[in-house]
């Protein structure tokens, strides 16, 4: 899923913090401390980063399979 630019509830910008959040949490930092240091104090804004699921790779796989089927049908 693509991270939203703004918080759905309060409208604060959160999308610009996604890259740093993922980089720091993957390196082993505590997610709560990272969110605090990024300036995300409201729970609605924290939710935007914590609940995001990256499913773009799975979606692309289905798209590529559909394109292959479409190409195979065009040969007939």
N, C-alpha and C. Protein backbone atom coordinates (compact mmCIF):
# COMPACT_ATOMS: atom_id res chain seq x y z
N UNK A 1 0.85 -1.17 0.00
CA UNK A 1 0.00 0.00 0.00
C UNK A 1 0.89 1.23 0.00
N UNK A 2 0.45 2.22 -0.67
CA UNK A 2 1.21 3.46 -0.71
C UNK A 2 0.84 4.27 0.53
N UNK A 3 1.86 4.77 1.21
CA UNK A 3 1.61 5.53 2.44
C UNK A 3 0.86 6.82 2.09
N UNK A 4 -0.22 7.12 2.80
CA UNK A 4 -0.95 8.36 2.53
C UNK A 4 -0.10 9.59 2.85
N UNK A 5 -0.34 10.66 2.13
CA UNK A 5 0.42 11.89 2.33
C UNK A 5 0.03 12.53 3.65
N UNK A 6 -1.24 12.52 3.97
CA UNK A 6 -1.74 13.16 5.19
C UNK A 6 -2.48 12.15 6.05
N UNK A 7 -2.53 12.46 7.34
CA UNK A 7 -3.30 11.65 8.28
C UNK A 7 -4.78 11.76 7.92
N UNK A 8 -5.48 10.63 7.92
CA UNK A 8 -6.89 10.64 7.57
C UNK A 8 -7.73 11.41 8.58
N UNK A 9 -7.31 11.44 9.83
CA UNK A 9 -8.11 12.05 10.89
C UNK A 9 -7.84 13.54 11.05
N UNK A 10 -6.57 13.91 11.24
CA UNK A 10 -6.27 15.31 11.57
C UNK A 10 -5.68 16.10 10.40
N UNK A 11 -5.22 15.43 9.36
CA UNK A 11 -4.70 16.12 8.20
C UNK A 11 -3.23 16.49 8.26
N UNK A 12 -2.52 16.05 9.29
CA UNK A 12 -1.09 16.36 9.40
C UNK A 12 -0.30 15.58 8.36
N UNK A 13 0.75 16.18 7.84
CA UNK A 13 1.61 15.50 6.88
C UNK A 13 2.36 14.36 7.55
N UNK A 14 2.22 13.16 7.00
CA UNK A 14 2.92 12.00 7.54
C UNK A 14 3.69 11.25 6.46
N UNK A 15 3.36 11.41 5.22
CA UNK A 15 3.98 10.67 4.14
C UNK A 15 5.46 10.93 3.98
N UNK A 16 5.90 12.13 4.32
CA UNK A 16 7.31 12.47 4.16
C UNK A 16 8.19 11.82 5.23
N UNK A 17 7.59 11.24 6.24
CA UNK A 17 8.35 10.61 7.32
C UNK A 17 8.48 9.10 7.15
N UNK A 18 7.81 8.53 6.15
CA UNK A 18 7.77 7.09 5.97
C UNK A 18 9.15 6.48 5.73
N UNK A 19 9.93 7.06 4.84
CA UNK A 19 11.24 6.49 4.51
C UNK A 19 12.16 6.42 5.73
N UNK A 20 12.20 7.50 6.48
CA UNK A 20 13.06 7.50 7.67
C UNK A 20 12.53 6.53 8.72
N UNK A 21 11.22 6.47 8.88
CA UNK A 21 10.62 5.54 9.85
C UNK A 21 10.99 4.10 9.52
N UNK A 22 10.82 3.69 8.27
CA UNK A 22 11.14 2.31 7.91
C UNK A 22 12.63 2.02 8.01
N UNK A 23 13.46 2.98 7.61
CA UNK A 23 14.91 2.78 7.68
C UNK A 23 15.35 2.57 9.13
N UNK A 24 14.85 3.42 10.01
CA UNK A 24 15.28 3.35 11.42
C UNK A 24 14.72 2.13 12.13
N UNK A 25 13.47 1.75 11.85
CA UNK A 25 12.91 0.57 12.51
C UNK A 25 13.55 -0.71 12.00
N UNK A 26 13.91 -0.76 10.72
CA UNK A 26 14.59 -1.95 10.19
C UNK A 26 16.00 -2.08 10.75
N UNK A 27 16.59 -0.96 11.13
CA UNK A 27 17.93 -1.03 11.71
C UNK A 27 17.90 -1.41 13.19
N UNK A 28 16.70 -1.56 13.76
CA UNK A 28 16.59 -2.07 15.11
C UNK A 28 16.12 -1.08 16.16
N UNK A 29 15.85 0.15 15.78
CA UNK A 29 15.37 1.13 16.76
C UNK A 29 13.93 0.82 17.16
N UNK A 30 13.58 1.24 18.35
CA UNK A 30 12.23 1.07 18.86
C UNK A 30 11.29 1.99 18.09
N UNK A 31 10.18 1.44 17.59
CA UNK A 31 9.24 2.21 16.78
C UNK A 31 8.65 3.39 17.55
N UNK A 32 8.40 3.21 18.84
CA UNK A 32 7.83 4.31 19.64
C UNK A 32 8.80 5.49 19.73
N UNK A 33 10.06 5.19 19.92
CA UNK A 33 11.06 6.26 20.01
C UNK A 33 11.24 6.96 18.66
N UNK A 34 11.18 6.18 17.58
CA UNK A 34 11.31 6.77 16.24
C UNK A 34 10.15 7.71 15.97
N UNK A 35 8.94 7.29 16.30
CA UNK A 35 7.77 8.14 16.08
C UNK A 35 7.86 9.42 16.90
N UNK A 36 8.33 9.32 18.14
CA UNK A 36 8.51 10.51 18.97
C UNK A 36 9.52 11.46 18.35
N UNK A 37 10.64 10.92 17.88
CA UNK A 37 11.68 11.79 17.32
C UNK A 37 11.25 12.40 15.98
N UNK A 38 10.34 11.75 15.27
CA UNK A 38 9.84 12.30 14.01
C UNK A 38 8.75 13.35 14.23
N UNK A 39 8.34 13.52 15.47
CA UNK A 39 7.35 14.54 15.79
C UNK A 39 5.92 14.08 15.65
N UNK A 40 5.68 12.78 15.63
CA UNK A 40 4.33 12.25 15.52
C UNK A 40 3.85 11.89 16.92
N UNK A 41 3.13 12.81 17.53
CA UNK A 41 2.68 12.63 18.92
C UNK A 41 1.26 12.09 18.99
N UNK A 42 0.42 12.44 18.02
CA UNK A 42 -0.98 12.01 18.06
C UNK A 42 -1.10 10.55 17.65
N UNK A 43 -2.00 9.85 18.30
CA UNK A 43 -2.15 8.43 17.99
C UNK A 43 -2.72 8.21 16.61
N UNK A 44 -3.49 9.18 16.08
CA UNK A 44 -4.04 9.02 14.73
C UNK A 44 -2.92 9.07 13.69
N UNK A 45 -1.93 9.92 13.90
CA UNK A 45 -0.80 10.02 12.97
C UNK A 45 0.12 8.81 13.10
N UNK A 46 0.29 8.33 14.32
CA UNK A 46 1.12 7.14 14.54
C UNK A 46 0.50 5.94 13.84
N UNK A 47 -0.82 5.87 13.89
CA UNK A 47 -1.54 4.77 13.26
C UNK A 47 -1.23 4.70 11.77
N UNK A 48 -1.08 5.85 11.14
CA UNK A 48 -0.85 5.89 9.69
C UNK A 48 0.44 5.17 9.32
N UNK A 49 1.46 5.28 10.14
CA UNK A 49 2.73 4.63 9.85
C UNK A 49 2.77 3.20 10.38
N UNK A 50 2.24 2.98 11.58
CA UNK A 50 2.32 1.66 12.19
C UNK A 50 1.44 0.63 11.50
N UNK A 51 0.30 1.05 10.97
CA UNK A 51 -0.63 0.08 10.39
C UNK A 51 -0.47 -0.07 8.87
N UNK A 52 0.46 0.64 8.28
CA UNK A 52 0.66 0.53 6.84
C UNK A 52 1.27 -0.82 6.48
N UNK A 53 0.73 -1.45 5.46
CA UNK A 53 1.22 -2.73 4.99
C UNK A 53 1.66 -2.56 3.55
N UNK A 54 2.88 -2.94 3.26
CA UNK A 54 3.39 -2.81 1.90
C UNK A 54 2.99 -4.04 1.09
N UNK A 55 1.98 -3.88 0.25
CA UNK A 55 1.50 -5.00 -0.55
C UNK A 55 1.70 -4.75 -2.04
N UNK A 56 2.46 -3.73 -2.40
CA UNK A 56 2.63 -3.39 -3.80
C UNK A 56 3.27 -4.53 -4.58
N UNK A 57 4.18 -5.28 -3.97
CA UNK A 57 4.82 -6.40 -4.67
C UNK A 57 3.81 -7.48 -5.03
N UNK A 58 2.87 -7.74 -4.13
CA UNK A 58 1.83 -8.73 -4.42
C UNK A 58 0.89 -8.24 -5.50
N UNK A 59 0.53 -6.98 -5.47
CA UNK A 59 -0.36 -6.43 -6.48
C UNK A 59 0.31 -6.46 -7.85
N UNK A 60 1.59 -6.12 -7.91
CA UNK A 60 2.31 -6.15 -9.17
C UNK A 60 2.38 -7.56 -9.75
N UNK A 61 2.49 -8.55 -8.90
CA UNK A 61 2.53 -9.94 -9.38
C UNK A 61 1.26 -10.28 -10.13
N UNK A 62 0.09 -9.90 -9.60
CA UNK A 62 -1.17 -10.17 -10.26
C UNK A 62 -1.29 -9.38 -11.57
N UNK A 63 -0.80 -8.18 -11.58
CA UNK A 63 -0.82 -7.36 -12.79
C UNK A 63 0.03 -8.01 -13.88
N UNK A 64 1.22 -8.47 -13.52
CA UNK A 64 2.10 -9.10 -14.51
C UNK A 64 1.49 -10.38 -15.06
N UNK A 65 0.83 -11.17 -14.21
CA UNK A 65 0.17 -12.38 -14.68
C UNK A 65 -0.96 -12.05 -15.64
N UNK A 66 -1.72 -11.00 -15.35
CA UNK A 66 -2.81 -10.59 -16.23
C UNK A 66 -2.27 -10.12 -17.57
N UNK A 67 -1.16 -9.41 -17.56
CA UNK A 67 -0.55 -8.96 -18.81
C UNK A 67 -0.06 -10.14 -19.65
N UNK A 68 0.49 -11.16 -19.01
CA UNK A 68 0.94 -12.35 -19.74
C UNK A 68 -0.24 -13.06 -20.39
N UNK A 69 -1.36 -13.17 -19.65
CA UNK A 69 -2.55 -13.81 -20.22
C UNK A 69 -3.10 -13.01 -21.39
N UNK A 70 -3.05 -11.70 -21.26
CA UNK A 70 -3.55 -10.83 -22.33
C UNK A 70 -2.69 -10.99 -23.58
N UNK A 71 -1.39 -11.08 -23.42
CA UNK A 71 -0.49 -11.27 -24.55
C UNK A 71 -0.70 -12.64 -25.20
N UNK A 72 -0.94 -13.65 -24.38
CA UNK A 72 -1.16 -15.00 -24.90
C UNK A 72 -2.45 -15.05 -25.72
N UNK A 73 -3.47 -14.34 -25.31
CA UNK A 73 -4.73 -14.30 -26.06
C UNK A 73 -4.59 -13.54 -27.37
N UNK A 74 -3.70 -12.58 -27.43
CA UNK A 74 -3.55 -11.77 -28.64
C UNK A 74 -2.87 -12.53 -29.77
N UNK A 75 -2.19 -13.64 -29.46
CA UNK A 75 -1.53 -14.43 -30.49
C UNK A 75 -2.51 -15.28 -31.28
N UNK A 76 -3.68 -15.53 -30.75
CA UNK A 76 -4.66 -16.38 -31.45
C UNK A 76 -5.39 -15.63 -32.50
